[in-house]
């Protein structure tokens, strides 16, 4: 009996030891995380949901790597304009860039599909479902060929027009000059509405509106409020013409050089940043509408018929521009988005 008891104790002790040895060693996993410094750049102010999301990426990477990864976030174009940021990411000088898809058209024309006005219906949940599905994944993969890695799409909001007059019909656009991002699609859109378009840095839009060198611009309510455009514009017309998603891009030369553990941590941090951005964006859109009204700027809601008139004027001309530039690859991508949107309705 004594020998049996002693044998049981030995077996129990051995089992405990083996059990302890089989528990994953967190420190061993941490040891596989690459030690590095990295930079995240974007053009938005520090009050913007994009910046809050970028700060969350920094928090997750630095915290879960136990300090092996050091992250610096540069908002408001501090280390260059939009094109500068993209080129720096291609060269590996900056590791992650957060920008509207419209800025990628000059680098990867296939991404301009998201600039086609009224591609998405006035249904934010459906748009999100499509972006998070096969269609969005296919669009992200197109960045591989231009030395970028598409990490994610971050939630944005529908864009609307501001001006010093209501913009309820196509006739209201005639004779007015609007600032848009450097996208052939957006230039075509303004032309199809009857206005004229100019492109220059986002940081200069307020001055342009204030001095009258431009008559209006297009942006989400959050962006309009954060950039104080409502201070120099009397009206915002809710056109819902583009669901402007933000592209989170990594430098391909940098990302490909990471080991699996570090790449997984980067993707996790980007996903966590997406949650912060989405929550802040929803809250900010609602809050911004109230603050804009309180400041005295009128927000004009359009009827479905009025929105349909804008859609009919611009959707096909812009899609034709996209298809002409991108050929079969563009057609396949556009068809995929159309199919996914139809499935969700």
Protein backbone atom coordinates (compact mmCIF):
# COMPACT_ATOMS: atom_id res chain seq x y z
CA UNK A 1 0.00 0.00 0.00
CA UNK A 2 2.86 2.37 0.90
CA UNK A 3 4.62 1.67 -2.41
CA UNK A 4 1.38 2.26 -4.30
CA UNK A 5 0.86 5.57 -2.53
CA UNK A 6 4.45 6.63 -3.24
CA UNK A 7 4.00 5.70 -6.89
CA UNK A 8 0.84 7.78 -7.08
CA UNK A 9 2.65 10.78 -5.62
CA UNK A 10 5.49 10.41 -8.13
CA UNK A 11 3.05 10.15 -11.03
CA UNK A 12 1.11 13.17 -9.76
CA UNK A 13 4.29 15.22 -9.44
CA UNK A 14 5.46 14.15 -12.89
CA UNK A 15 2.05 15.08 -14.33
CA UNK A 16 2.21 18.51 -12.73
CA UNK A 17 5.68 19.09 -14.11
CA UNK A 18 4.67 18.00 -17.60
CA UNK A 19 1.55 20.15 -17.37
CA UNK A 20 3.58 23.18 -16.41
CA UNK A 21 6.00 22.53 -19.24
CA UNK A 22 3.13 22.31 -21.72
CA UNK A 23 1.71 25.76 -20.86
CA UNK A 24 2.63 28.25 -23.63
CA UNK A 25 5.41 30.52 -22.48
CA UNK A 26 4.23 34.11 -23.04
CA UNK A 27 7.76 35.41 -22.71
CA UNK A 28 8.89 33.00 -25.41
CA UNK A 29 6.15 34.31 -27.69
CA UNK A 30 7.12 37.89 -26.90
CA UNK A 31 10.69 37.03 -27.82
CA UNK A 32 9.56 36.46 -31.41
CA UNK A 33 8.19 39.99 -31.73
CA UNK A 34 10.60 42.08 -33.75
CA UNK A 35 12.22 45.01 -31.98
CA UNK A 36 11.68 48.12 -34.06
CA UNK A 37 10.57 51.73 -34.31
CA UNK A 38 7.77 52.65 -36.65
CA UNK A 39 5.83 55.69 -37.79
CA UNK A 40 2.14 56.18 -38.56
CA UNK A 41 1.09 59.19 -40.63
CA UNK A 42 -2.22 60.75 -41.63
CA UNK A 43 -3.62 64.13 -42.65
CA UNK A 44 -6.44 64.53 -40.10
CA UNK A 45 -6.37 66.75 -36.98
CA UNK A 46 -5.88 65.20 -33.55
CA UNK A 47 -9.61 65.50 -32.82
CA UNK A 48 -10.48 63.22 -35.76
CA UNK A 49 -11.52 59.56 -35.21
CA UNK A 50 -8.68 58.51 -37.52
CA UNK A 51 -6.17 59.91 -35.07
CA UNK A 52 -7.85 58.18 -32.14
CA UNK A 53 -7.62 54.92 -34.07
CA UNK A 54 -3.95 55.53 -34.83
CA UNK A 55 -3.26 56.15 -31.14
CA UNK A 56 -4.97 52.85 -30.37
CA UNK A 57 -2.64 51.07 -32.82
CA UNK A 58 0.27 52.60 -30.92
CA UNK A 59 -1.17 51.49 -27.57
CA UNK A 60 -1.68 47.89 -28.66
CA UNK A 61 1.68 47.52 -30.41
CA UNK A 62 3.74 49.05 -27.62
CA UNK A 63 1.77 47.33 -24.86
CA UNK A 64 1.59 43.82 -26.26
CA UNK A 65 5.18 43.87 -27.49
CA UNK A 66 6.22 44.96 -23.97
CA UNK A 67 8.03 47.94 -25.39
CA UNK A 68 9.89 46.12 -28.16
CA UNK A 69 7.91 48.12 -30.71
CA UNK A 70 8.09 51.92 -30.45
CA UNK A 71 5.43 53.84 -32.39
CA UNK A 72 5.28 57.54 -33.27
CA UNK A 73 2.02 58.95 -34.66
CA UNK A 74 2.18 62.02 -36.90
CA UNK A 75 -1.23 63.67 -37.51
CA UNK A 76 -2.27 66.62 -39.67
CA UNK A 77 0.31 66.07 -42.39
CA UNK A 78 3.21 66.76 -40.03
CA UNK A 79 5.60 64.62 -42.07
CA UNK A 80 4.23 65.42 -45.50
CA UNK A 81 1.13 65.76 -47.61
CA UNK A 82 -0.96 62.85 -48.80
CA UNK A 83 1.21 61.99 -51.81
CA UNK A 84 4.35 62.37 -49.70
CA UNK A 85 2.97 59.88 -47.16
CA UNK A 86 2.18 57.30 -49.83
CA UNK A 87 5.59 57.62 -51.48
CA UNK A 88 7.31 57.38 -48.09
CA UNK A 89 5.38 54.19 -47.33
CA UNK A 90 6.37 52.71 -50.70
CA UNK A 91 10.02 53.42 -49.89
CA UNK A 92 9.73 52.06 -46.33
CA UNK A 93 10.36 55.42 -44.67
CA UNK A 94 6.98 55.32 -42.95
CA UNK A 95 5.32 52.09 -41.94
CA UNK A 96 1.56 52.79 -41.82
CA UNK A 97 -0.51 55.44 -43.61
CA UNK A 98 -4.20 56.25 -43.05
CA UNK A 99 -5.77 58.09 -45.99
CA UNK A 100 -9.04 58.31 -47.94
CA UNK A 101 -9.09 55.92 -50.90
CA UNK A 102 -9.28 58.87 -53.31
CA UNK A 103 -5.59 59.64 -52.80
CA UNK A 104 -4.57 56.20 -54.11
CA UNK A 105 -5.95 56.71 -57.61
CA UNK A 106 -2.69 58.07 -58.93
CA UNK A 107 -0.81 55.05 -57.57
CA UNK A 108 -3.33 52.23 -58.03
CA UNK A 109 -6.20 53.35 -60.31
CA UNK A 110 -8.30 50.30 -59.35
CA UNK A 111 -8.92 51.81 -55.91
CA UNK A 112 -10.76 54.71 -57.56
CA UNK A 113 -13.85 52.51 -57.70
CA UNK A 114 -14.72 53.78 -54.22
CA UNK A 115 -14.84 57.30 -55.65
CA UNK A 116 -17.64 56.45 -58.08
CA UNK A 117 -20.55 58.54 -56.73
CA UNK A 118 -23.55 56.56 -55.55
CA UNK A 119 -21.73 53.23 -55.87
CA UNK A 120 -23.22 52.45 -52.47
CA UNK A 121 -26.86 53.07 -51.60
CA UNK A 122 -27.76 55.28 -48.65
CA UNK A 123 -27.31 52.33 -46.28
CA UNK A 124 -24.20 52.46 -44.09
CA UNK A 125 -24.64 48.91 -42.75
CA UNK A 126 -24.83 47.44 -46.24
CA UNK A 127 -21.80 49.44 -47.36
CA UNK A 128 -19.85 48.16 -44.37
CA UNK A 129 -20.85 44.57 -45.07
CA UNK A 130 -19.60 44.83 -48.65
CA UNK A 131 -16.33 46.51 -47.63
CA UNK A 132 -15.68 43.81 -45.02
CA UNK A 133 -16.44 41.02 -47.50
CA UNK A 134 -14.88 39.54 -50.66
CA UNK A 135 -15.23 42.77 -52.63
CA UNK A 136 -13.31 44.81 -50.09
CA UNK A 137 -10.65 42.10 -49.77
CA UNK A 138 -10.17 42.05 -53.54
CA UNK A 139 -9.68 45.81 -53.56
CA UNK A 140 -7.13 45.67 -50.73
CA UNK A 141 -5.08 43.07 -52.62
CA UNK A 142 -4.63 45.44 -55.57
CA UNK A 143 -2.19 47.47 -53.45
CA UNK A 144 0.38 44.66 -53.46
CA UNK A 145 1.48 45.63 -56.96
CA UNK A 146 2.35 49.20 -55.91
CA UNK A 147 4.61 48.34 -52.95
CA UNK A 148 1.84 48.77 -50.38
CA UNK A 149 -0.08 46.33 -48.19
CA UNK A 150 -3.79 46.88 -47.73
CA UNK A 151 -4.33 46.23 -44.04
CA UNK A 152 -7.95 47.33 -43.60
CA UNK A 153 -10.71 49.74 -44.45
CA UNK A 154 -11.71 51.99 -41.57
CA UNK A 155 -15.23 53.28 -41.15
CA UNK A 156 -15.90 56.73 -42.44
CA UNK A 157 -19.16 58.47 -43.26
CA UNK A 158 -21.05 59.65 -46.29
CA UNK A 159 -19.77 62.83 -47.88
CA UNK A 160 -21.95 65.89 -48.40
CA UNK A 161 -21.50 69.28 -50.06
CA UNK A 162 -21.10 72.63 -48.37
CA UNK A 163 -21.54 76.01 -50.05
CA UNK A 164 -23.02 79.43 -49.40
CA UNK A 165 -26.28 78.37 -51.05
CA UNK A 166 -28.41 75.21 -50.92
CA UNK A 167 -27.45 72.64 -53.58
CA UNK A 168 -30.76 70.92 -54.30
CA UNK A 169 -30.61 70.73 -58.09
CA UNK A 170 -27.94 70.46 -60.79
CA UNK A 171 -28.61 74.10 -61.68
CA UNK A 172 -27.42 75.11 -58.21
CA UNK A 173 -23.88 73.87 -59.04
CA UNK A 174 -23.45 76.01 -62.13
CA UNK A 175 -20.86 78.73 -61.83
CA UNK A 176 -19.48 77.37 -58.53
CA UNK A 177 -15.98 76.10 -57.87
CA UNK A 178 -15.48 73.11 -55.54
CA UNK A 179 -12.38 71.68 -53.95
CA UNK A 180 -12.05 67.90 -54.33
CA UNK A 181 -9.27 65.40 -53.71
CA UNK A 182 -6.99 64.65 -56.68
CA UNK A 183 -9.17 61.95 -58.21
CA UNK A 184 -10.27 61.88 -61.85
CA UNK A 185 -13.54 60.41 -60.64
CA UNK A 186 -14.26 63.38 -58.40
CA UNK A 187 -13.33 65.86 -61.12
CA UNK A 188 -15.78 64.08 -63.42
CA UNK A 189 -18.45 64.16 -60.73
CA UNK A 190 -18.27 67.94 -60.30
CA UNK A 191 -18.32 68.41 -64.07
CA UNK A 192 -21.41 66.17 -64.37
CA UNK A 193 -23.13 68.33 -61.74
CA UNK A 194 -22.35 71.47 -63.74
CA UNK A 195 -19.70 72.99 -61.46
CA UNK A 196 -15.92 73.31 -61.77
CA UNK A 197 -13.37 71.51 -59.62
CA UNK A 198 -9.95 72.32 -58.18
CA UNK A 199 -7.53 70.22 -56.14
CA UNK A 200 -5.20 71.45 -53.43
CA UNK A 201 -4.14 70.37 -49.92
CA UNK A 202 -6.85 69.71 -47.35
CA UNK A 203 -5.13 72.02 -44.89
CA UNK A 204 -5.71 74.98 -47.25
CA UNK A 205 -9.45 74.43 -47.79
CA UNK A 206 -10.58 76.69 -44.93
CA UNK A 207 -8.61 79.63 -46.30
CA UNK A 208 -9.91 78.95 -49.79
CA UNK A 209 -13.50 79.02 -48.57
CA UNK A 210 -12.87 82.09 -46.44
CA UNK A 211 -11.29 84.10 -49.25
CA UNK A 212 -13.76 82.92 -51.87
CA UNK A 213 -11.17 81.31 -54.12
CA UNK A 214 -13.45 78.26 -53.89
CA UNK A 215 -17.19 78.20 -53.32
CA UNK A 216 -17.63 74.82 -51.68
CA UNK A 217 -16.22 71.44 -50.83
CA UNK A 218 -17.29 67.86 -50.04
CA UNK A 219 -16.69 66.01 -46.77
CA UNK A 220 -18.38 64.18 -43.91
CA UNK A 221 -20.06 66.19 -41.14
CA UNK A 222 -17.25 65.25 -38.75
CA UNK A 223 -14.59 66.52 -41.13
CA UNK A 224 -16.55 69.69 -41.84
CA UNK A 225 -16.81 70.44 -38.13
CA UNK A 226 -13.26 69.45 -37.21
CA UNK A 227 -11.83 71.59 -40.01
CA UNK A 228 -14.26 74.43 -39.10
CA UNK A 229 -15.55 74.70 -42.68
CA UNK A 230 -19.00 75.49 -41.29
CA UNK A 231 -17.61 78.80 -40.03
CA UNK A 232 -17.18 79.98 -43.63
CA UNK A 233 -20.10 78.13 -45.28
CA UNK A 234 -23.79 78.93 -44.83
CA UNK A 235 -25.26 75.62 -46.02
CA UNK A 236 -24.51 71.90 -45.99
CA UNK A 237 -26.58 69.79 -48.38
CA UNK A 238 -26.91 66.11 -47.41
CA UNK A 239 -26.17 64.48 -50.77
CA UNK A 240 -24.79 61.12 -49.52
CA UNK A 241 -22.85 60.92 -52.78
CA UNK A 242 -19.83 58.91 -51.61
CA UNK A 243 -19.23 56.55 -48.70
CA UNK A 244 -15.65 57.58 -48.13
CA UNK A 245 -13.73 54.74 -46.51
CA UNK A 246 -10.24 55.20 -45.12
CA UNK A 247 -7.50 52.89 -46.36
CA UNK A 248 -5.01 51.63 -43.80
CA UNK A 249 -1.87 50.83 -45.74
CA UNK A 250 1.41 49.36 -44.70
CA UNK A 251 4.76 49.65 -46.43
CA UNK A 252 5.16 46.36 -48.30
CA UNK A 253 8.94 46.29 -47.96
CA UNK A 254 8.51 46.74 -44.19
CA UNK A 255 5.57 44.37 -43.72
CA UNK A 256 7.11 41.57 -45.79
CA UNK A 257 10.22 41.79 -43.62
CA UNK A 258 8.33 41.03 -40.41
CA UNK A 259 7.99 37.55 -38.96
CA UNK A 260 4.57 35.95 -38.57
CA UNK A 261 4.17 36.90 -34.91
CA UNK A 262 4.90 40.57 -35.57
CA UNK A 263 2.67 40.69 -38.64
CA UNK A 264 -0.18 39.16 -36.65
CA UNK A 265 0.30 41.71 -33.88
CA UNK A 266 0.24 44.56 -36.42
CA UNK A 267 -3.02 43.25 -37.90
CA UNK A 268 -4.50 42.88 -34.43
CA UNK A 269 -3.53 46.47 -33.57
CA UNK A 270 -5.06 47.76 -36.81
CA UNK A 271 -8.29 45.87 -36.05
CA UNK A 272 -8.42 47.37 -32.56
CA UNK A 273 -7.79 50.80 -34.03
CA UNK A 274 -10.68 50.20 -36.44
CA UNK A 275 -13.07 49.66 -33.51
CA UNK A 276 -12.00 52.90 -31.84
CA UNK A 277 -12.29 54.83 -35.11
CA UNK A 278 -15.76 53.40 -35.87
CA UNK A 279 -17.18 54.15 -32.44
CA UNK A 280 -15.74 57.67 -32.46
CA UNK A 281 -16.91 58.30 -36.04
CA UNK A 282 -20.52 57.40 -35.24
CA UNK A 283 -20.54 59.57 -32.14
CA UNK A 284 -18.78 62.44 -33.89
CA UNK A 285 -21.16 62.48 -36.89
CA UNK A 286 -24.16 62.85 -34.59
CA UNK A 287 -22.41 65.39 -32.39
CA UNK A 288 -21.07 67.39 -35.34
CA UNK A 289 -24.53 67.78 -36.88
CA UNK A 290 -25.82 69.39 -33.68
CA UNK A 291 -22.81 71.66 -33.27
CA UNK A 292 -22.93 72.79 -36.89
CA UNK A 293 -26.61 73.70 -36.56
CA UNK A 294 -25.93 75.48 -33.28
CA UNK A 295 -23.24 77.57 -34.99
CA UNK A 296 -25.82 78.79 -37.49
CA UNK A 297 -25.02 76.76 -40.59
CA UNK A 298 -28.14 75.20 -42.13
CA UNK A 299 -28.18 71.49 -42.95
CA UNK A 300 -30.41 70.74 -45.93
CA UNK A 301 -31.99 67.27 -46.27
CA UNK A 302 -32.84 66.15 -49.81
CA UNK A 303 -35.82 64.11 -50.90
CA UNK A 304 -35.22 60.66 -52.49
CA UNK A 305 -36.19 62.17 -55.86
CA UNK A 306 -33.60 64.96 -55.51
CA UNK A 307 -30.88 62.47 -54.60
CA UNK A 308 -31.91 60.29 -57.57
CA UNK A 309 -31.41 63.25 -59.91
CA UNK A 310 -27.81 63.63 -58.72
CA UNK A 311 -27.24 59.88 -58.98
CA UNK A 312 -28.53 59.72 -62.55
CA UNK A 313 -26.35 62.66 -63.56
CA UNK A 314 -23.05 61.33 -62.25
CA UNK A 315 -22.97 57.56 -61.58
CA UNK A 316 -22.61 56.30 -65.15
CA UNK A 317 -20.22 59.02 -66.40
CA UNK A 318 -17.89 58.33 -63.46
CA UNK A 319 -18.15 54.55 -63.82
CA UNK A 320 -17.33 54.89 -67.53
CA UNK A 321 -14.18 56.85 -66.65
CA UNK A 322 -13.19 54.10 -64.21
CA UNK A 323 -13.80 51.28 -66.67
CA UNK A 324 -11.99 53.03 -69.51
CA UNK A 325 -8.92 53.46 -67.34
CA UNK A 326 -8.91 50.00 -65.74
CA UNK A 327 -10.14 47.66 -68.46
CA UNK A 328 -11.07 44.06 -67.64
CA UNK A 329 -9.63 44.18 -64.13
CA UNK A 330 -11.74 47.22 -63.36
CA UNK A 331 -14.84 45.60 -64.85
CA UNK A 332 -14.39 42.46 -62.74
CA UNK A 333 -13.90 44.50 -59.58
CA UNK A 334 -16.91 46.73 -60.32
CA UNK A 335 -19.05 43.66 -61.06
CA UNK A 336 -17.98 42.06 -57.78
CA UNK A 337 -19.00 45.15 -55.82
CA UNK A 338 -22.32 45.35 -57.69
CA UNK A 339 -23.05 41.68 -56.96
CA UNK A 340 -22.19 42.00 -53.27
CA UNK A 341 -24.34 45.13 -52.91
CA UNK A 342 -27.26 43.37 -54.64
CA UNK A 343 -26.91 40.38 -52.27
CA UNK A 344 -27.20 42.64 -49.25
CA UNK A 345 -30.34 44.45 -50.34
